[in-house]
Amino acid sequence: MNCNRRRRSSRSRVRAFTMVELVIVVTIIGIISAIAVPRMSAASSTATGNGLKLTLANVRKAVDVFYAEHGRYPGYDPASGAASGEFFVDQLITYSDATGNTNATYAYPFIYGPYIRSPFPTNPTNHLQNVHVKTSAADADPAAGSVGWIAVLSSGDFGISATDAALDDVGIIDDGSKKLLRIY
C-alpha cells in the first residue's frame, strides 16, 4: 500500500518554474525591450515628421488651387480687404463664391472648394491650428511656436511656426530639409 501512495503523490505533484528560470526570462524580456523601444520611438518621430511634410504639401496645393480659381490667395475678407488667419482657414475648409465669400453648404454661387477637409490641420510640434497671416514677407514674424502656421499672402507661401528643437523632436533634422518647410 505504501507504494501506491508514492505513485499517486508523484503524479499529483505540480511542476513550477524555478527562480533561476524566472530571472532568465525577465532578463531576456528586458534585453528585447531595451532594443525595441528606442527603435519604435524613432519610427514614431519619423512618421510625425513625414506627416508634417505631407500636411504642408497638401495645404500649399490647396492654396494654389484657391489662387487659380479666385485670382488671389486665401486670407482676405472679400468685403473689407482685411487679412486674417480666420479668413484663410475658412476660405480653405468651406465652399466659396468667386469673390471669396464663404458658405458651409454647396449652393450657387458657392461652387468653389472646399480645398481642405475640416478641421484645418494641427501643427504637430505645438498642436495649434491657428494661422498667422502676413501680407508680405517683410512683415514681422510671430514668436516661433506661438502659432500653428504662417501664411504670406503676397506670395502664397505657407509654412510652419516652430523652433528648431521642436522640429528635431518630430524627426526633422538640419540637413537642408528645414529650408523646405519654410519655417518662421
N, C-alpha and C. Protein backbone atom coordinates (compact mmCIF):
# COMPACT_ATOMS: atom_id res chain seq x y z
N MET A 1 0.79 -1.20 0.00
CA MET A 1 0.00 0.00 0.00
C MET A 1 0.84 1.27 0.00
N ASN A 2 1.88 1.19 0.64
CA ASN A 2 2.77 2.33 0.71
C ASN A 2 3.26 2.73 -0.69
N CYS A 3 3.45 1.76 -1.54
CA CYS A 3 3.91 2.02 -2.91
C CYS A 3 2.86 2.80 -3.70
N ASN A 4 1.59 2.51 -3.49
CA ASN A 4 0.53 3.20 -4.21
C ASN A 4 0.46 4.68 -3.84
N ARG A 5 0.70 4.95 -2.60
CA ARG A 5 0.68 6.36 -2.18
C ARG A 5 1.80 7.16 -2.85
N ARG A 6 2.94 6.54 -2.96
CA ARG A 6 4.06 7.23 -3.60
C ARG A 6 3.74 7.52 -5.07
N ARG A 7 3.15 6.57 -5.71
CA ARG A 7 2.84 6.78 -7.11
C ARG A 7 1.81 7.90 -7.28
N ARG A 8 0.81 7.92 -6.46
CA ARG A 8 -0.19 8.97 -6.56
C ARG A 8 0.39 10.34 -6.22
N SER A 9 1.20 10.43 -5.23
CA SER A 9 1.76 11.72 -4.83
C SER A 9 2.75 12.24 -5.87
N SER A 10 3.48 11.38 -6.54
CA SER A 10 4.40 11.86 -7.57
C SER A 10 3.63 12.31 -8.81
N ARG A 11 2.48 11.69 -9.05
CA ARG A 11 1.66 12.10 -10.19
C ARG A 11 0.96 13.44 -9.92
N SER A 12 0.57 13.69 -8.72
CA SER A 12 -0.17 14.90 -8.41
C SER A 12 0.75 16.09 -8.08
N ARG A 13 2.03 15.90 -8.10
CA ARG A 13 2.96 17.00 -7.81
C ARG A 13 2.88 18.04 -8.94
N VAL A 14 2.77 19.31 -8.60
CA VAL A 14 2.67 20.39 -9.56
C VAL A 14 4.07 20.83 -9.96
N ARG A 15 4.27 20.94 -11.22
CA ARG A 15 5.55 21.38 -11.75
C ARG A 15 5.52 22.90 -11.85
N ALA A 16 6.53 23.61 -11.35
CA ALA A 16 6.57 25.06 -11.36
C ALA A 16 7.92 25.54 -11.87
N PHE A 17 7.97 26.84 -12.24
CA PHE A 17 9.23 27.42 -12.67
C PHE A 17 10.12 27.64 -11.45
N THR A 18 11.40 27.49 -11.65
CA THR A 18 12.34 27.79 -10.57
C THR A 18 12.67 29.27 -10.63
N MET A 19 13.26 29.75 -9.59
CA MET A 19 13.64 31.16 -9.52
C MET A 19 14.66 31.50 -10.61
N VAL A 20 15.57 30.63 -10.89
CA VAL A 20 16.59 30.86 -11.93
C VAL A 20 15.92 30.99 -13.29
N GLU A 21 14.95 30.15 -13.59
CA GLU A 21 14.24 30.22 -14.86
C GLU A 21 13.49 31.55 -15.00
N LEU A 22 12.86 31.99 -13.94
CA LEU A 22 12.15 33.28 -13.97
C LEU A 22 13.10 34.44 -14.18
N VAL A 23 14.26 34.43 -13.53
CA VAL A 23 15.24 35.51 -13.69
C VAL A 23 15.74 35.54 -15.13
N ILE A 24 15.96 34.40 -15.73
CA ILE A 24 16.43 34.35 -17.12
C ILE A 24 15.38 34.92 -18.06
N VAL A 25 14.12 34.55 -17.87
CA VAL A 25 13.05 35.06 -18.72
C VAL A 25 12.92 36.57 -18.58
N VAL A 26 12.94 37.08 -17.38
CA VAL A 26 12.83 38.52 -17.15
C VAL A 26 14.01 39.25 -17.79
N THR A 27 15.20 38.70 -17.69
CA THR A 27 16.39 39.30 -18.29
C THR A 27 16.26 39.36 -19.81
N ILE A 28 15.79 38.29 -20.41
CA ILE A 28 15.61 38.26 -21.87
C ILE A 28 14.58 39.30 -22.31
N ILE A 29 13.48 39.39 -21.59
CA ILE A 29 12.46 40.39 -21.92
C ILE A 29 13.03 41.80 -21.78
N GLY A 30 13.83 42.04 -20.77
CA GLY A 30 14.46 43.35 -20.58
C GLY A 30 15.40 43.71 -21.72
N ILE A 31 16.17 42.75 -22.19
CA ILE A 31 17.10 43.00 -23.31
C ILE A 31 16.33 43.30 -24.58
N ILE A 32 15.29 42.54 -24.84
CA ILE A 32 14.49 42.76 -26.05
C ILE A 32 13.83 44.14 -26.01
N SER A 33 13.28 44.52 -24.86
CA SER A 33 12.63 45.84 -24.77
C SER A 33 13.64 46.96 -24.87
N ALA A 34 14.85 46.76 -24.36
CA ALA A 34 15.89 47.80 -24.47
C ALA A 34 16.28 48.03 -25.93
N ILE A 35 16.17 47.01 -26.74
CA ILE A 35 16.48 47.14 -28.16
C ILE A 35 15.29 47.71 -28.93
N ALA A 36 14.09 47.27 -28.62
CA ALA A 36 12.91 47.61 -29.41
C ALA A 36 12.35 49.00 -29.12
N VAL A 37 12.32 49.42 -27.88
CA VAL A 37 11.67 50.70 -27.53
C VAL A 37 12.32 51.90 -28.22
N PRO A 38 13.65 52.05 -28.23
CA PRO A 38 14.22 53.19 -28.94
C PRO A 38 13.92 53.17 -30.44
N ARG A 39 13.88 51.99 -31.03
CA ARG A 39 13.56 51.90 -32.45
C ARG A 39 12.13 52.33 -32.72
N MET A 40 11.22 51.97 -31.84
CA MET A 40 9.82 52.35 -32.01
C MET A 40 9.63 53.85 -31.85
N SER A 41 10.30 54.45 -30.88
CA SER A 41 10.14 55.89 -30.67
C SER A 41 10.76 56.67 -31.81
N ALA A 42 11.87 56.18 -32.38
CA ALA A 42 12.47 56.84 -33.54
C ALA A 42 11.54 56.74 -34.74
N ALA A 43 10.92 55.59 -34.91
CA ALA A 43 9.97 55.42 -36.02
C ALA A 43 8.77 56.33 -35.84
N SER A 44 8.34 56.53 -34.61
CA SER A 44 7.20 57.40 -34.34
C SER A 44 7.52 58.85 -34.69
N SER A 45 8.70 59.33 -34.31
CA SER A 45 9.05 60.72 -34.63
C SER A 45 9.27 60.89 -36.12
N THR A 46 9.81 59.88 -36.80
CA THR A 46 9.97 59.95 -38.25
C THR A 46 8.61 60.01 -38.94
N ALA A 47 7.66 59.23 -38.45
CA ALA A 47 6.31 59.26 -39.02
C ALA A 47 5.66 60.62 -38.82
N THR A 48 5.88 61.22 -37.66
CA THR A 48 5.32 62.55 -37.39
C THR A 48 5.95 63.58 -38.33
N GLY A 49 7.25 63.49 -38.53
CA GLY A 49 7.93 64.41 -39.46
C GLY A 49 7.44 64.24 -40.88
N ASN A 50 7.24 63.01 -41.31
CA ASN A 50 6.71 62.76 -42.66
C ASN A 50 5.28 63.27 -42.78
N GLY A 51 4.49 63.11 -41.73
CA GLY A 51 3.12 63.64 -41.73
C GLY A 51 3.11 65.15 -41.85
N LEU A 52 4.05 65.79 -41.17
CA LEU A 52 4.17 67.25 -41.26
C LEU A 52 4.48 67.68 -42.68
N LYS A 53 5.41 67.02 -43.33
CA LYS A 53 5.76 67.37 -44.71
C LYS A 53 4.57 67.17 -45.64
N LEU A 54 3.82 66.10 -45.43
CA LEU A 54 2.64 65.83 -46.24
C LEU A 54 1.56 66.89 -46.01
N THR A 55 1.35 67.27 -44.77
CA THR A 55 0.37 68.31 -44.45
C THR A 55 0.73 69.62 -45.14
N LEU A 56 2.00 70.00 -45.05
CA LEU A 56 2.44 71.24 -45.71
C LEU A 56 2.21 71.17 -47.21
N ALA A 57 2.53 70.05 -47.83
CA ALA A 57 2.34 69.90 -49.27
C ALA A 57 0.86 70.01 -49.63
N ASN A 58 -0.02 69.40 -48.84
CA ASN A 58 -1.46 69.45 -49.12
C ASN A 58 -2.02 70.86 -48.98
N VAL A 59 -1.62 71.57 -47.93
CA VAL A 59 -2.13 72.94 -47.75
C VAL A 59 -1.59 73.84 -48.85
N ARG A 60 -0.34 73.68 -49.22
CA ARG A 60 0.22 74.50 -50.29
C ARG A 60 -0.51 74.26 -51.61
N LYS A 61 -0.85 73.01 -51.89
CA LYS A 61 -1.63 72.71 -53.11
C LYS A 61 -3.00 73.35 -53.03
N ALA A 62 -3.63 73.29 -51.87
CA ALA A 62 -4.95 73.91 -51.69
C ALA A 62 -4.88 75.42 -51.91
N VAL A 63 -3.84 76.04 -51.41
CA VAL A 63 -3.65 77.49 -51.60
C VAL A 63 -3.49 77.79 -53.09
N ASP A 64 -2.71 76.97 -53.79
CA ASP A 64 -2.53 77.19 -55.23
C ASP A 64 -3.82 77.02 -56.01
N VAL A 65 -4.64 76.03 -55.65
CA VAL A 65 -5.92 75.83 -56.33
C VAL A 65 -6.85 77.00 -56.04
N PHE A 66 -6.88 77.47 -54.80
CA PHE A 66 -7.70 78.64 -54.46
C PHE A 66 -7.27 79.83 -55.32
N TYR A 67 -5.97 80.02 -55.44
CA TYR A 67 -5.45 81.13 -56.25
C TYR A 67 -5.88 80.98 -57.71
N ALA A 68 -5.81 79.78 -58.24
CA ALA A 68 -6.18 79.54 -59.63
C ALA A 68 -7.66 79.85 -59.87
N GLU A 69 -8.50 79.57 -58.90
CA GLU A 69 -9.93 79.78 -59.06
C GLU A 69 -10.40 81.19 -58.70
N HIS A 70 -9.67 81.87 -57.81
CA HIS A 70 -10.12 83.19 -57.34
C HIS A 70 -9.23 84.35 -57.78
N GLY A 71 -8.04 84.06 -58.27
CA GLY A 71 -7.14 85.13 -58.71
C GLY A 71 -6.42 85.82 -57.58
N ARG A 72 -6.53 85.31 -56.38
CA ARG A 72 -5.80 85.84 -55.21
C ARG A 72 -5.70 84.72 -54.18
N TYR A 73 -4.80 84.93 -53.23
CA TYR A 73 -4.58 83.91 -52.20
C TYR A 73 -5.63 84.02 -51.10
N PRO A 74 -5.93 82.92 -50.43
CA PRO A 74 -6.91 82.97 -49.35
C PRO A 74 -6.38 83.78 -48.17
N GLY A 75 -7.31 84.33 -47.41
CA GLY A 75 -6.93 85.08 -46.21
C GLY A 75 -7.47 86.49 -46.16
N TYR A 76 -8.02 86.96 -47.28
CA TYR A 76 -8.57 88.32 -47.33
C TYR A 76 -10.08 88.29 -47.18
N ASP A 77 -10.60 89.21 -46.40
CA ASP A 77 -12.05 89.39 -46.28
C ASP A 77 -12.54 90.04 -47.58
N PRO A 78 -13.47 89.40 -48.29
CA PRO A 78 -13.94 89.96 -49.56
C PRO A 78 -14.60 91.33 -49.41
N ALA A 79 -15.21 91.59 -48.27
CA ALA A 79 -15.91 92.87 -48.10
C ALA A 79 -14.95 94.01 -47.78
N SER A 80 -14.05 93.81 -46.84
CA SER A 80 -13.19 94.90 -46.39
C SER A 80 -11.77 94.83 -46.94
N GLY A 81 -11.35 93.68 -47.37
CA GLY A 81 -9.98 93.51 -47.85
C GLY A 81 -8.98 93.25 -46.73
N ALA A 82 -9.47 93.22 -45.49
CA ALA A 82 -8.59 92.95 -44.35
C ALA A 82 -8.13 91.50 -44.38
N ALA A 83 -6.92 91.29 -43.91
CA ALA A 83 -6.35 89.94 -43.91
C ALA A 83 -6.41 89.36 -42.50
N SER A 84 -6.74 88.06 -42.42
CA SER A 84 -6.71 87.39 -41.12
C SER A 84 -6.57 85.89 -41.32
N GLY A 85 -6.06 85.25 -40.29
CA GLY A 85 -5.93 83.81 -40.29
C GLY A 85 -7.26 83.10 -40.32
N GLU A 86 -8.29 83.71 -39.71
CA GLU A 86 -9.61 83.10 -39.70
C GLU A 86 -10.18 83.03 -41.11
N PHE A 87 -9.99 84.10 -41.90
CA PHE A 87 -10.45 84.07 -43.30
C PHE A 87 -9.67 83.02 -44.09
N PHE A 88 -8.37 82.93 -43.82
CA PHE A 88 -7.52 81.96 -44.51
C PHE A 88 -8.06 80.54 -44.31
N VAL A 89 -8.29 80.18 -43.07
CA VAL A 89 -8.79 78.84 -42.75
C VAL A 89 -10.19 78.64 -43.32
N ASP A 90 -11.07 79.60 -43.10
CA ASP A 90 -12.46 79.49 -43.55
C ASP A 90 -12.54 79.33 -45.06
N GLN A 91 -11.74 80.08 -45.80
CA GLN A 91 -11.80 80.01 -47.25
C GLN A 91 -11.24 78.69 -47.79
N LEU A 92 -10.44 77.99 -47.01
CA LEU A 92 -9.92 76.70 -47.46
C LEU A 92 -10.80 75.52 -47.06
N ILE A 93 -11.54 75.62 -45.96
CA ILE A 93 -12.31 74.46 -45.49
C ILE A 93 -13.80 74.52 -45.78
N THR A 94 -14.28 75.64 -46.38
CA THR A 94 -15.71 75.74 -46.72
C THR A 94 -15.86 76.07 -48.21
N TYR A 95 -17.09 76.09 -48.66
CA TYR A 95 -17.39 76.48 -50.04
C TYR A 95 -17.27 77.99 -50.16
N SER A 96 -16.90 78.45 -51.36
CA SER A 96 -16.77 79.89 -51.56
C SER A 96 -17.32 80.29 -52.92
N ASP A 97 -17.61 81.57 -53.04
CA ASP A 97 -18.03 82.09 -54.33
C ASP A 97 -16.81 82.70 -55.02
N ALA A 98 -17.01 83.30 -56.17
CA ALA A 98 -15.89 83.82 -56.96
C ALA A 98 -15.14 84.94 -56.25
N THR A 99 -15.80 85.67 -55.36
CA THR A 99 -15.13 86.76 -54.66
C THR A 99 -14.46 86.33 -53.36
N GLY A 100 -14.74 85.10 -52.89
CA GLY A 100 -14.12 84.60 -51.66
C GLY A 100 -15.04 84.55 -50.46
N ASN A 101 -16.32 84.99 -50.63
CA ASN A 101 -17.28 84.83 -49.54
C ASN A 101 -17.50 83.33 -49.32
N THR A 102 -17.73 82.94 -48.08
CA THR A 102 -17.83 81.50 -47.78
C THR A 102 -19.22 81.11 -47.30
N ASN A 103 -19.49 79.80 -47.44
CA ASN A 103 -20.75 79.22 -47.00
C ASN A 103 -20.47 77.77 -46.63
N ALA A 104 -21.15 77.26 -45.62
CA ALA A 104 -20.91 75.89 -45.15
C ALA A 104 -21.47 74.84 -46.11
N THR A 105 -22.44 75.21 -46.94
CA THR A 105 -23.05 74.23 -47.84
C THR A 105 -22.85 74.64 -49.29
N TYR A 106 -22.88 73.63 -50.14
CA TYR A 106 -22.73 73.84 -51.57
C TYR A 106 -24.06 74.31 -52.15
N ALA A 107 -24.09 75.52 -52.66
CA ALA A 107 -25.26 76.08 -53.32
C ALA A 107 -24.78 77.28 -54.14
N TYR A 108 -25.38 77.49 -55.29
CA TYR A 108 -24.97 78.60 -56.12
C TYR A 108 -25.11 79.90 -55.35
N PRO A 109 -24.15 80.78 -55.35
CA PRO A 109 -22.91 80.87 -56.11
C PRO A 109 -21.69 80.26 -55.39
N PHE A 110 -21.90 79.55 -54.31
CA PHE A 110 -20.79 78.97 -53.53
C PHE A 110 -20.41 77.61 -54.13
N ILE A 111 -19.73 77.66 -55.27
CA ILE A 111 -19.44 76.45 -56.04
C ILE A 111 -17.96 76.06 -56.00
N TYR A 112 -17.15 76.83 -55.31
CA TYR A 112 -15.71 76.53 -55.24
C TYR A 112 -15.36 75.92 -53.88
N GLY A 113 -14.41 75.01 -53.91
CA GLY A 113 -13.95 74.42 -52.66
C GLY A 113 -14.86 73.31 -52.16
N PRO A 114 -14.74 72.89 -50.95
CA PRO A 114 -13.63 73.21 -50.05
C PRO A 114 -12.32 72.58 -50.54
N TYR A 115 -11.24 73.19 -50.19
CA TYR A 115 -9.93 72.79 -50.67
C TYR A 115 -9.22 71.85 -49.70
N ILE A 116 -9.63 71.91 -48.44
CA ILE A 116 -9.09 71.03 -47.40
C ILE A 116 -10.27 70.57 -46.56
N ARG A 117 -10.21 69.33 -46.16
CA ARG A 117 -11.25 68.80 -45.27
C ARG A 117 -11.16 69.45 -43.91
N SER A 118 -12.30 69.75 -43.35
CA SER A 118 -12.36 70.31 -42.00
C SER A 118 -12.14 69.18 -41.00
N PRO A 119 -11.47 69.41 -39.92
CA PRO A 119 -10.89 70.65 -39.42
C PRO A 119 -9.53 70.92 -40.07
N PHE A 120 -9.10 72.16 -39.97
CA PHE A 120 -7.80 72.55 -40.50
C PHE A 120 -6.71 71.77 -39.78
N PRO A 121 -5.65 71.37 -40.46
CA PRO A 121 -4.62 70.54 -39.83
C PRO A 121 -3.96 71.20 -38.62
N THR A 122 -3.54 70.36 -37.71
CA THR A 122 -2.87 70.81 -36.50
C THR A 122 -1.36 70.72 -36.68
N ASN A 123 -0.65 71.71 -36.19
CA ASN A 123 0.81 71.70 -36.20
C ASN A 123 1.28 70.62 -35.21
N PRO A 124 2.04 69.62 -35.66
CA PRO A 124 2.42 68.53 -34.76
C PRO A 124 3.46 68.91 -33.71
N THR A 125 4.11 70.05 -33.85
CA THR A 125 5.12 70.43 -32.87
C THR A 125 4.54 71.16 -31.68
N ASN A 126 3.44 71.91 -31.88
CA ASN A 126 2.85 72.64 -30.75
C ASN A 126 1.34 72.44 -30.64
N HIS A 127 0.78 71.63 -31.54
CA HIS A 127 -0.64 71.24 -31.51
C HIS A 127 -1.60 72.43 -31.64
N LEU A 128 -1.19 73.44 -32.41
CA LEU A 128 -2.05 74.58 -32.68
C LEU A 128 -2.53 74.53 -34.13
N GLN A 129 -3.75 75.02 -34.37
CA GLN A 129 -4.33 75.04 -35.71
C GLN A 129 -4.36 76.44 -36.29
N ASN A 130 -4.15 77.45 -35.47
CA ASN A 130 -4.33 78.81 -35.95
C ASN A 130 -3.27 79.20 -36.97
N VAL A 131 -3.65 80.14 -37.85
CA VAL A 131 -2.77 80.62 -38.91
C VAL A 131 -2.53 82.10 -38.70
N HIS A 132 -1.25 82.49 -38.68
CA HIS A 132 -0.87 83.90 -38.63
C HIS A 132 -0.63 84.33 -40.07
N VAL A 133 -1.30 85.36 -40.53
CA VAL A 133 -1.10 85.82 -41.91
C VAL A 133 -0.21 87.05 -41.91
N LYS A 134 0.63 87.09 -42.91
CA LYS A 134 1.48 88.24 -43.19
C LYS A 134 1.12 88.70 -44.59
N THR A 135 0.87 89.98 -44.76
CA THR A 135 0.51 90.45 -46.10
C THR A 135 1.72 90.47 -47.03
N SER A 136 2.92 90.57 -46.45
CA SER A 136 4.14 90.48 -47.26
C SER A 136 5.21 89.77 -46.44
N ALA A 137 6.25 89.32 -47.12
CA ALA A 137 7.32 88.60 -46.43
C ALA A 137 8.07 89.50 -45.46
N ALA A 138 8.01 90.81 -45.68
CA ALA A 138 8.72 91.76 -44.82
C ALA A 138 8.02 91.97 -43.47
N ASP A 139 6.77 91.58 -43.35
CA ASP A 139 6.06 91.73 -42.07
C ASP A 139 6.76 90.91 -40.99
N ALA A 140 6.60 91.36 -39.76
CA ALA A 140 7.25 90.68 -38.63
C ALA A 140 6.68 89.29 -38.42
N ASP A 141 7.56 88.38 -38.05
CA ASP A 141 7.13 87.02 -37.71
C ASP A 141 6.69 86.97 -36.25
N PRO A 142 5.73 86.13 -35.93
CA PRO A 142 5.38 85.93 -34.52
C PRO A 142 6.49 85.12 -33.84
N ALA A 143 6.45 85.05 -32.55
CA ALA A 143 7.44 84.23 -31.83
C ALA A 143 7.32 82.78 -32.30
N ALA A 144 8.47 82.14 -32.50
CA ALA A 144 8.49 80.77 -33.00
C ALA A 144 7.67 79.85 -32.10
N GLY A 145 6.75 79.14 -32.70
CA GLY A 145 5.94 78.19 -31.96
C GLY A 145 4.73 78.79 -31.28
N SER A 146 4.51 80.12 -31.42
CA SER A 146 3.36 80.74 -30.75
C SER A 146 2.07 80.58 -31.53
N VAL A 147 2.18 80.27 -32.81
CA VAL A 147 1.02 79.98 -33.65
C VAL A 147 1.30 78.65 -34.36
N GLY A 148 0.27 78.09 -34.95
CA GLY A 148 0.46 76.82 -35.64
C GLY A 148 1.15 76.97 -36.98
N TRP A 149 0.64 77.88 -37.79
CA TRP A 149 1.11 78.03 -39.16
C TRP A 149 1.26 79.51 -39.49
N ILE A 150 2.00 79.79 -40.56
CA ILE A 150 2.16 81.16 -41.04
C ILE A 150 1.96 81.16 -42.54
N ALA A 151 1.14 82.12 -43.03
CA ALA A 151 0.88 82.27 -44.45
C ALA A 151 1.30 83.67 -44.88
N VAL A 152 2.00 83.74 -45.98
CA VAL A 152 2.38 85.03 -46.57
C VAL A 152 1.47 85.25 -47.76
N LEU A 153 0.56 86.22 -47.64
CA LEU A 153 -0.50 86.38 -48.63
C LEU A 153 -0.02 86.99 -49.94
N SER A 154 1.07 87.73 -49.93
CA SER A 154 1.55 88.32 -51.18
C SER A 154 2.14 87.27 -52.12
N SER A 155 2.68 86.19 -51.56
CA SER A 155 3.33 85.17 -52.38
C SER A 155 2.63 83.82 -52.33
N GLY A 156 1.68 83.63 -51.42
CA GLY A 156 1.03 82.34 -51.27
C GLY A 156 1.88 81.35 -50.51
N ASP A 157 2.93 81.83 -49.90
CA ASP A 157 3.83 80.96 -49.15
C ASP A 157 3.14 80.50 -47.87
N PHE A 158 3.38 79.25 -47.48
CA PHE A 158 2.77 78.67 -46.29
C PHE A 158 3.81 77.82 -45.59
N GLY A 159 3.96 78.03 -44.29
CA GLY A 159 4.95 77.27 -43.55
C GLY A 159 4.54 77.03 -42.12
N ILE A 160 5.44 76.38 -41.40
CA ILE A 160 5.19 76.01 -40.01
C ILE A 160 5.85 77.01 -39.08
N SER A 161 5.21 77.26 -37.97
CA SER A 161 5.80 78.08 -36.91
C SER A 161 6.34 77.11 -35.87
N ALA A 162 7.67 76.98 -35.81
CA ALA A 162 8.26 76.02 -34.89
C ALA A 162 9.69 76.38 -34.58
N THR A 163 10.14 75.96 -33.44
CA THR A 163 11.54 76.12 -33.08
C THR A 163 12.33 74.95 -33.66
N ASP A 164 13.65 75.12 -33.77
CA ASP A 164 14.49 74.03 -34.26
C ASP A 164 14.39 72.81 -33.35
N ALA A 165 14.32 73.04 -32.05
CA ALA A 165 14.23 71.92 -31.11
C ALA A 165 12.94 71.14 -31.31
N ALA A 166 11.84 71.85 -31.56
CA ALA A 166 10.56 71.17 -31.78
C ALA A 166 10.59 70.34 -33.05
N LEU A 167 11.26 70.86 -34.09
CA LEU A 167 11.38 70.09 -35.33
C LEU A 167 12.27 68.88 -35.14
N ASP A 168 13.32 69.02 -34.36
CA ASP A 168 14.19 67.88 -34.06
C ASP A 168 13.40 66.79 -33.35
N ASP A 169 12.48 67.18 -32.49
CA ASP A 169 11.67 66.21 -31.74
C ASP A 169 10.76 65.38 -32.64
N VAL A 170 10.36 65.94 -33.78
CA VAL A 170 9.49 65.19 -34.69
C VAL A 170 10.27 64.59 -35.86
N GLY A 171 11.58 64.53 -35.73
CA GLY A 171 12.37 63.84 -36.74
C GLY A 171 12.82 64.67 -37.91
N ILE A 172 12.65 65.99 -37.85
CA ILE A 172 13.16 66.86 -38.92
C ILE A 172 14.54 67.32 -38.48
N ILE A 173 15.55 66.89 -39.21
CA ILE A 173 16.92 67.23 -38.82
C ILE A 173 17.46 68.33 -39.71
N ASP A 174 18.53 68.94 -39.29
CA ASP A 174 19.10 70.07 -40.01
C ASP A 174 19.98 69.57 -41.16
N ASP A 175 19.36 69.00 -42.18
CA ASP A 175 20.09 68.51 -43.36
C ASP A 175 19.64 69.25 -44.61
N GLY A 176 19.07 70.41 -44.43
CA GLY A 176 18.52 71.16 -45.55
C GLY A 176 17.02 70.99 -45.68
N SER A 177 16.46 69.96 -45.05
CA SER A 177 15.02 69.73 -45.16
C SER A 177 14.24 70.80 -44.40
N LYS A 178 14.87 71.44 -43.42
CA LYS A 178 14.19 72.51 -42.70
C LYS A 178 13.89 73.68 -43.61
N LYS A 179 14.75 73.93 -44.57
CA LYS A 179 14.51 75.03 -45.51
C LYS A 179 13.25 74.76 -46.34
N LEU A 180 12.99 73.51 -46.66
CA LEU A 180 11.82 73.16 -47.46
C LEU A 180 10.52 73.40 -46.70
N LEU A 181 10.60 73.41 -45.37
CA LEU A 181 9.40 73.61 -44.56
C LEU A 181 8.98 75.08 -44.48
N ARG A 182 9.87 75.97 -44.86
CA ARG A 182 9.65 77.41 -44.74
C ARG A 182 9.27 77.75 -43.32
N ILE A 183 10.21 77.55 -42.43
CA ILE A 183 10.00 77.75 -41.01
C ILE A 183 10.02 79.22 -40.67
N TYR A 184 9.08 79.62 -39.83
CA TYR A 184 9.01 81.02 -39.40
C TYR A 184 9.17 81.09 -37.90
